[in-house]
N, C-alpha and C. Protein backbone atom coordinates (compact mmCIF):
# COMPACT_ATOMS: atom_id res chain seq x y z
N MET A 1 0.85 -1.17 0.00
CA MET A 1 0.00 0.00 0.00
C MET A 1 0.89 1.23 0.00
N SER A 2 0.60 2.14 -0.84
CA SER A 2 1.35 3.38 -0.93
C SER A 2 0.56 4.50 -0.29
N LEU A 3 1.22 5.26 0.52
CA LEU A 3 0.58 6.39 1.20
C LEU A 3 0.71 7.62 0.33
N VAL A 4 -0.39 8.27 0.07
CA VAL A 4 -0.36 9.50 -0.71
C VAL A 4 -0.76 10.64 0.21
N PRO A 5 0.19 11.52 0.52
CA PRO A 5 -0.16 12.64 1.37
C PRO A 5 -1.07 13.60 0.63
N ARG A 6 -2.03 14.17 1.34
CA ARG A 6 -2.93 15.12 0.73
C ARG A 6 -2.64 16.50 1.30
N GLY A 7 -3.57 17.37 1.27
CA GLY A 7 -3.30 18.74 1.64
C GLY A 7 -2.89 19.47 0.38
N ARG A 8 -3.44 18.99 -0.73
CA ARG A 8 -3.25 19.56 -2.06
C ARG A 8 -1.88 19.27 -2.66
N CYS A 9 -1.23 18.17 -2.27
CA CYS A 9 0.00 17.78 -2.95
C CYS A 9 0.16 16.27 -2.90
N SER A 10 0.91 15.73 -3.82
CA SER A 10 1.18 14.30 -3.81
C SER A 10 2.61 14.09 -3.31
N LEU A 11 2.94 12.84 -3.03
CA LEU A 11 4.26 12.53 -2.50
C LEU A 11 5.36 13.08 -3.39
N SER A 12 5.20 12.98 -4.70
CA SER A 12 6.24 13.45 -5.61
C SER A 12 6.32 14.97 -5.63
N GLU A 13 5.31 15.64 -5.11
CA GLU A 13 5.30 17.10 -5.15
C GLU A 13 5.60 17.74 -3.81
N VAL A 14 5.85 16.94 -2.77
CA VAL A 14 6.10 17.50 -1.46
C VAL A 14 7.29 18.45 -1.55
N GLY A 15 7.10 19.64 -1.07
CA GLY A 15 8.15 20.65 -1.11
C GLY A 15 8.24 21.37 -2.43
N GLY A 16 7.48 20.95 -3.41
CA GLY A 16 7.51 21.59 -4.72
C GLY A 16 6.44 22.67 -4.83
N THR A 17 6.30 23.20 -6.02
CA THR A 17 5.33 24.26 -6.22
C THR A 17 4.08 23.78 -6.94
N SER A 18 4.12 22.56 -7.47
CA SER A 18 2.98 22.03 -8.19
C SER A 18 1.92 21.54 -7.22
N LEU A 19 0.68 21.94 -7.43
CA LEU A 19 -0.40 21.53 -6.55
C LEU A 19 -1.38 20.65 -7.31
N ALA A 20 -1.85 19.62 -6.66
CA ALA A 20 -2.85 18.73 -7.25
C ALA A 20 -4.22 19.37 -7.13
N GLN A 21 -5.15 18.90 -7.94
CA GLN A 21 -6.53 19.37 -7.84
C GLN A 21 -7.14 18.88 -6.54
N PRO A 22 -7.99 19.68 -5.91
CA PRO A 22 -8.66 19.22 -4.70
C PRO A 22 -9.46 17.96 -5.01
N SER A 23 -9.47 17.03 -4.08
CA SER A 23 -10.21 15.80 -4.29
C SER A 23 -11.44 15.78 -3.39
N ASP A 24 -12.22 14.73 -3.55
CA ASP A 24 -13.42 14.59 -2.74
C ASP A 24 -13.07 14.57 -1.26
N PRO A 25 -14.02 14.97 -0.42
CA PRO A 25 -13.78 14.90 1.03
C PRO A 25 -13.55 13.45 1.45
N LEU A 26 -12.85 13.29 2.55
CA LEU A 26 -12.51 11.97 3.04
C LEU A 26 -13.73 11.09 3.24
N TRP A 27 -14.82 11.64 3.73
CA TRP A 27 -16.01 10.83 3.99
C TRP A 27 -16.58 10.23 2.71
N LYS A 28 -16.25 10.82 1.57
CA LYS A 28 -16.71 10.26 0.30
C LYS A 28 -15.76 9.19 -0.25
N ARG A 29 -14.50 9.23 0.17
CA ARG A 29 -13.48 8.35 -0.39
C ARG A 29 -13.16 7.13 0.46
N VAL A 30 -13.36 7.23 1.76
CA VAL A 30 -12.99 6.14 2.65
C VAL A 30 -13.91 4.94 2.45
N PRO A 31 -13.33 3.77 2.22
CA PRO A 31 -14.18 2.58 2.09
C PRO A 31 -14.75 2.21 3.46
N THR A 32 -15.98 1.76 3.47
CA THR A 32 -16.61 1.35 4.73
C THR A 32 -16.75 -0.16 4.81
N ARG A 33 -16.62 -0.84 3.66
CA ARG A 33 -16.74 -2.30 3.62
C ARG A 33 -15.67 -2.87 2.70
N ASP A 34 -15.26 -4.11 2.99
CA ASP A 34 -14.28 -4.77 2.13
C ASP A 34 -14.97 -5.38 0.92
N ALA A 35 -14.23 -6.07 0.09
CA ALA A 35 -14.77 -6.64 -1.15
C ALA A 35 -15.87 -7.67 -0.88
N GLU A 36 -15.85 -8.30 0.28
CA GLU A 36 -16.87 -9.28 0.63
C GLU A 36 -18.06 -8.65 1.36
N GLY A 37 -18.05 -7.33 1.53
CA GLY A 37 -19.16 -6.64 2.18
C GLY A 37 -19.06 -6.52 3.68
N ARG A 38 -17.95 -6.98 4.26
CA ARG A 38 -17.78 -6.87 5.72
C ARG A 38 -17.33 -5.46 6.09
N PRO A 39 -17.84 -4.93 7.21
CA PRO A 39 -17.45 -3.57 7.62
C PRO A 39 -15.96 -3.49 7.97
N LEU A 40 -15.37 -2.34 7.69
CA LEU A 40 -13.97 -2.09 8.01
C LEU A 40 -13.87 -1.29 9.30
N ALA A 41 -12.73 -1.39 9.94
CA ALA A 41 -12.42 -0.58 11.12
C ALA A 41 -11.52 0.56 10.65
N ASP A 42 -11.48 1.64 11.40
CA ASP A 42 -10.60 2.74 11.04
C ASP A 42 -10.17 3.51 12.27
N PHE A 43 -9.11 4.28 12.09
CA PHE A 43 -8.62 5.16 13.16
C PHE A 43 -7.85 6.31 12.54
N MET A 44 -7.64 7.34 13.35
CA MET A 44 -6.90 8.52 12.92
C MET A 44 -5.71 8.73 13.84
N MET A 45 -4.65 9.28 13.27
CA MET A 45 -3.50 9.69 14.06
C MET A 45 -3.14 11.12 13.67
N LEU A 46 -2.91 11.93 14.66
CA LEU A 46 -2.46 13.30 14.47
C LEU A 46 -0.94 13.30 14.55
N ILE A 47 -0.31 13.96 13.60
CA ILE A 47 1.15 14.05 13.61
C ILE A 47 1.49 15.55 13.67
N PRO A 48 1.62 16.08 14.88
CA PRO A 48 1.82 17.53 15.04
C PRO A 48 3.01 18.05 14.23
N ARG A 49 2.80 19.19 13.62
CA ARG A 49 3.83 19.94 12.88
C ARG A 49 4.43 19.18 11.70
N LEU A 50 3.75 18.14 11.22
CA LEU A 50 4.27 17.37 10.09
C LEU A 50 4.45 18.26 8.87
N ARG A 51 3.46 19.08 8.55
CA ARG A 51 3.54 19.90 7.34
C ARG A 51 4.63 20.96 7.42
N GLU A 52 5.11 21.24 8.63
CA GLU A 52 6.15 22.25 8.81
C GLU A 52 7.57 21.68 8.67
N LYS A 53 7.67 20.37 8.56
CA LYS A 53 8.99 19.75 8.45
C LYS A 53 9.63 20.10 7.11
N PRO A 54 10.95 20.18 7.08
CA PRO A 54 11.64 20.34 5.79
C PRO A 54 11.36 19.11 4.92
N GLU A 55 11.50 19.28 3.62
CA GLU A 55 11.15 18.21 2.68
C GLU A 55 11.83 16.89 3.01
N HIS A 56 13.11 16.90 3.30
CA HIS A 56 13.81 15.63 3.58
C HIS A 56 13.26 14.95 4.83
N ALA A 57 12.94 15.72 5.85
CA ALA A 57 12.38 15.14 7.08
C ALA A 57 10.96 14.62 6.84
N LEU A 58 10.20 15.34 6.03
CA LEU A 58 8.85 14.90 5.68
C LEU A 58 8.91 13.58 4.92
N ARG A 59 9.81 13.49 3.95
CA ARG A 59 9.96 12.25 3.18
C ARG A 59 10.39 11.08 4.08
N THR A 60 11.25 11.34 5.03
CA THR A 60 11.69 10.31 5.97
C THR A 60 10.50 9.81 6.79
N THR A 61 9.69 10.74 7.30
CA THR A 61 8.51 10.37 8.08
C THR A 61 7.53 9.57 7.24
N LEU A 62 7.28 10.01 6.01
CA LEU A 62 6.38 9.28 5.12
C LEU A 62 6.91 7.88 4.84
N GLY A 63 8.21 7.76 4.69
CA GLY A 63 8.82 6.45 4.48
C GLY A 63 8.61 5.53 5.67
N GLU A 64 8.72 6.07 6.86
CA GLU A 64 8.49 5.27 8.07
C GLU A 64 7.05 4.78 8.13
N ILE A 65 6.11 5.66 7.81
CA ILE A 65 4.69 5.27 7.81
C ILE A 65 4.44 4.21 6.75
N GLU A 66 5.01 4.41 5.56
CA GLU A 66 4.82 3.44 4.49
C GLU A 66 5.43 2.08 4.84
N THR A 67 6.51 2.07 5.58
CA THR A 67 7.12 0.81 6.02
C THR A 67 6.14 0.03 6.90
N VAL A 68 5.49 0.74 7.81
CA VAL A 68 4.50 0.08 8.68
C VAL A 68 3.32 -0.42 7.85
N LEU A 69 2.83 0.43 6.96
CA LEU A 69 1.70 0.03 6.12
C LEU A 69 2.04 -1.20 5.29
N ALA A 70 3.25 -1.27 4.79
CA ALA A 70 3.67 -2.43 3.99
C ALA A 70 3.71 -3.69 4.85
N ALA A 71 4.13 -3.55 6.10
CA ALA A 71 4.18 -4.70 7.00
C ALA A 71 2.78 -5.23 7.30
N TYR A 72 1.80 -4.35 7.26
CA TYR A 72 0.42 -4.74 7.55
C TYR A 72 -0.43 -4.75 6.27
N ASP A 73 0.21 -4.94 5.14
CA ASP A 73 -0.49 -4.88 3.86
C ASP A 73 -1.71 -5.79 3.76
N PRO A 74 -1.69 -7.00 4.29
CA PRO A 74 -2.90 -7.83 4.19
C PRO A 74 -4.09 -7.27 4.97
N VAL A 75 -3.81 -6.42 5.95
CA VAL A 75 -4.86 -5.90 6.83
C VAL A 75 -5.29 -4.49 6.44
N VAL A 76 -4.33 -3.63 6.09
CA VAL A 76 -4.62 -2.23 5.77
C VAL A 76 -5.25 -2.14 4.39
N VAL A 77 -6.41 -1.48 4.33
CA VAL A 77 -7.16 -1.36 3.08
C VAL A 77 -7.01 0.03 2.48
N PHE A 78 -6.87 1.05 3.32
CA PHE A 78 -6.88 2.43 2.86
C PHE A 78 -6.06 3.27 3.84
N ALA A 79 -5.29 4.20 3.29
CA ALA A 79 -4.56 5.16 4.12
C ALA A 79 -4.56 6.50 3.41
N ASP A 80 -4.76 7.56 4.19
CA ASP A 80 -4.79 8.90 3.63
C ASP A 80 -4.08 9.83 4.61
N LEU A 81 -3.18 10.63 4.09
CA LEU A 81 -2.47 11.61 4.90
C LEU A 81 -2.87 12.99 4.43
N ASN A 82 -3.49 13.75 5.30
CA ASN A 82 -3.87 15.12 4.99
C ASN A 82 -2.83 16.03 5.62
N LEU A 83 -1.92 16.55 4.80
CA LEU A 83 -0.86 17.42 5.31
C LEU A 83 -1.41 18.74 5.87
N ARG A 84 -2.46 19.22 5.30
CA ARG A 84 -3.04 20.47 5.79
C ARG A 84 -3.46 20.34 7.26
N LEU A 85 -4.00 19.15 7.60
CA LEU A 85 -4.47 18.91 8.96
C LEU A 85 -3.48 18.09 9.80
N ASN A 86 -2.38 17.64 9.17
CA ASN A 86 -1.42 16.76 9.85
C ASN A 86 -2.11 15.49 10.36
N LEU A 87 -3.02 14.94 9.56
CA LEU A 87 -3.87 13.86 10.00
C LEU A 87 -3.73 12.63 9.10
N LEU A 88 -3.48 11.49 9.72
CA LEU A 88 -3.37 10.21 9.03
C LEU A 88 -4.61 9.39 9.33
N TRP A 89 -5.29 8.93 8.29
CA TRP A 89 -6.48 8.08 8.42
C TRP A 89 -6.13 6.71 7.88
N ILE A 90 -6.45 5.67 8.63
CA ILE A 90 -6.20 4.31 8.18
C ILE A 90 -7.46 3.47 8.36
N SER A 91 -7.85 2.75 7.31
CA SER A 91 -8.95 1.80 7.36
C SER A 91 -8.36 0.41 7.18
N LEU A 92 -8.86 -0.55 7.97
CA LEU A 92 -8.33 -1.89 7.90
C LEU A 92 -9.40 -2.94 8.16
N ARG A 93 -9.05 -4.16 7.80
CA ARG A 93 -9.95 -5.28 8.07
C ARG A 93 -9.96 -5.49 9.58
N PRO A 94 -11.14 -5.56 10.19
CA PRO A 94 -11.19 -5.65 11.64
C PRO A 94 -10.69 -7.00 12.18
N ALA A 95 -9.94 -6.91 13.23
CA ALA A 95 -9.46 -8.07 13.98
C ALA A 95 -9.18 -7.55 15.39
N PRO A 96 -9.40 -8.37 16.40
CA PRO A 96 -9.19 -7.89 17.77
C PRO A 96 -7.81 -7.27 17.98
N GLY A 97 -7.80 -6.03 18.43
CA GLY A 97 -6.56 -5.33 18.76
C GLY A 97 -5.77 -4.79 17.58
N MET A 98 -6.25 -4.99 16.35
CA MET A 98 -5.46 -4.62 15.18
C MET A 98 -5.28 -3.11 15.04
N CYS A 99 -6.32 -2.33 15.32
CA CYS A 99 -6.16 -0.87 15.22
C CYS A 99 -5.05 -0.40 16.16
N LEU A 100 -5.08 -0.89 17.38
CA LEU A 100 -4.06 -0.49 18.35
C LEU A 100 -2.68 -1.00 17.94
N GLU A 101 -2.62 -2.19 17.38
CA GLU A 101 -1.33 -2.75 16.95
C GLU A 101 -0.71 -1.92 15.83
N VAL A 102 -1.50 -1.56 14.83
CA VAL A 102 -0.98 -0.76 13.71
C VAL A 102 -0.61 0.64 14.21
N ALA A 103 -1.46 1.23 15.04
CA ALA A 103 -1.16 2.57 15.58
C ALA A 103 0.12 2.53 16.41
N THR A 104 0.31 1.49 17.19
CA THR A 104 1.52 1.36 18.01
C THR A 104 2.75 1.20 17.13
N ALA A 105 2.62 0.46 16.05
CA ALA A 105 3.74 0.29 15.13
C ALA A 105 4.11 1.62 14.48
N ILE A 106 3.11 2.42 14.12
CA ILE A 106 3.39 3.75 13.56
C ILE A 106 4.06 4.62 14.60
N LYS A 107 3.52 4.62 15.81
CA LYS A 107 4.09 5.42 16.91
C LYS A 107 5.54 5.01 17.18
N GLY A 108 5.84 3.73 17.04
CA GLY A 108 7.21 3.26 17.24
C GLY A 108 8.20 3.84 16.23
N ARG A 109 7.72 4.12 15.02
CA ARG A 109 8.58 4.68 13.97
C ARG A 109 8.44 6.19 13.84
N VAL A 110 7.30 6.72 14.27
CA VAL A 110 7.05 8.17 14.23
C VAL A 110 6.57 8.56 15.63
N PRO A 111 7.50 8.78 16.57
CA PRO A 111 7.14 9.00 17.97
C PRO A 111 6.19 10.15 18.23
N GLU A 112 6.19 11.14 17.38
CA GLU A 112 5.29 12.29 17.59
C GLU A 112 3.84 12.00 17.19
N ALA A 113 3.59 10.88 16.52
CA ALA A 113 2.23 10.52 16.09
C ALA A 113 1.35 10.21 17.31
N LEU A 114 0.13 10.74 17.28
CA LEU A 114 -0.80 10.58 18.40
C LEU A 114 -2.08 9.93 17.91
N LEU A 115 -2.51 8.88 18.58
CA LEU A 115 -3.77 8.23 18.24
C LEU A 115 -4.92 9.12 18.69
N VAL A 116 -5.88 9.33 17.79
CA VAL A 116 -7.04 10.15 18.10
C VAL A 116 -8.16 9.22 18.55
N ALA A 117 -8.71 9.47 19.73
CA ALA A 117 -9.82 8.67 20.24
C ALA A 117 -10.66 9.54 21.16
N ASN A 118 -11.94 9.21 21.26
CA ASN A 118 -12.73 9.94 22.23
C ASN A 118 -12.51 9.31 23.60
N LYS A 119 -12.94 9.98 24.64
CA LYS A 119 -12.66 9.54 26.00
C LYS A 119 -13.20 8.13 26.26
N ARG A 120 -14.39 7.85 25.78
CA ARG A 120 -15.01 6.53 25.99
C ARG A 120 -14.15 5.43 25.35
N GLU A 121 -13.70 5.64 24.11
CA GLU A 121 -12.86 4.65 23.43
C GLU A 121 -11.53 4.48 24.15
N ALA A 122 -10.96 5.59 24.59
CA ALA A 122 -9.66 5.54 25.25
C ALA A 122 -9.73 4.76 26.56
N MET A 123 -10.89 4.77 27.20
CA MET A 123 -11.04 4.06 28.46
C MET A 123 -11.47 2.62 28.24
N GLY A 124 -11.67 2.23 26.98
CA GLY A 124 -12.01 0.85 26.66
C GLY A 124 -13.46 0.48 26.91
N ARG A 125 -14.34 1.45 26.84
CA ARG A 125 -15.76 1.18 27.07
C ARG A 125 -16.52 1.16 25.79
């Protein structure tokens, strides 16, 4: 799976002057079911100040995220990075603990990444 950062640029254009056309909102693009019709799980991670990083540091961070996504390729169905919001969205085939496992793997490679959850989810209720 290849991660394509958004925020009006593609990976090949990070740090450049060329801007991509705005795409549909995330809620229109995110898959909700897999090919067999089963619902998918998803989570978000905030990566503070990601868009402010110099190009080489941004590319390094994207490479780290892509490494994790590749390791979980059979499970991860969709990934979107919105540079404008510093927000990473991941949809995956549900399995017990898998969201936390993938998020922890990303956090291990990108320590500044923060899992976004509401208070009820964070407390395990």
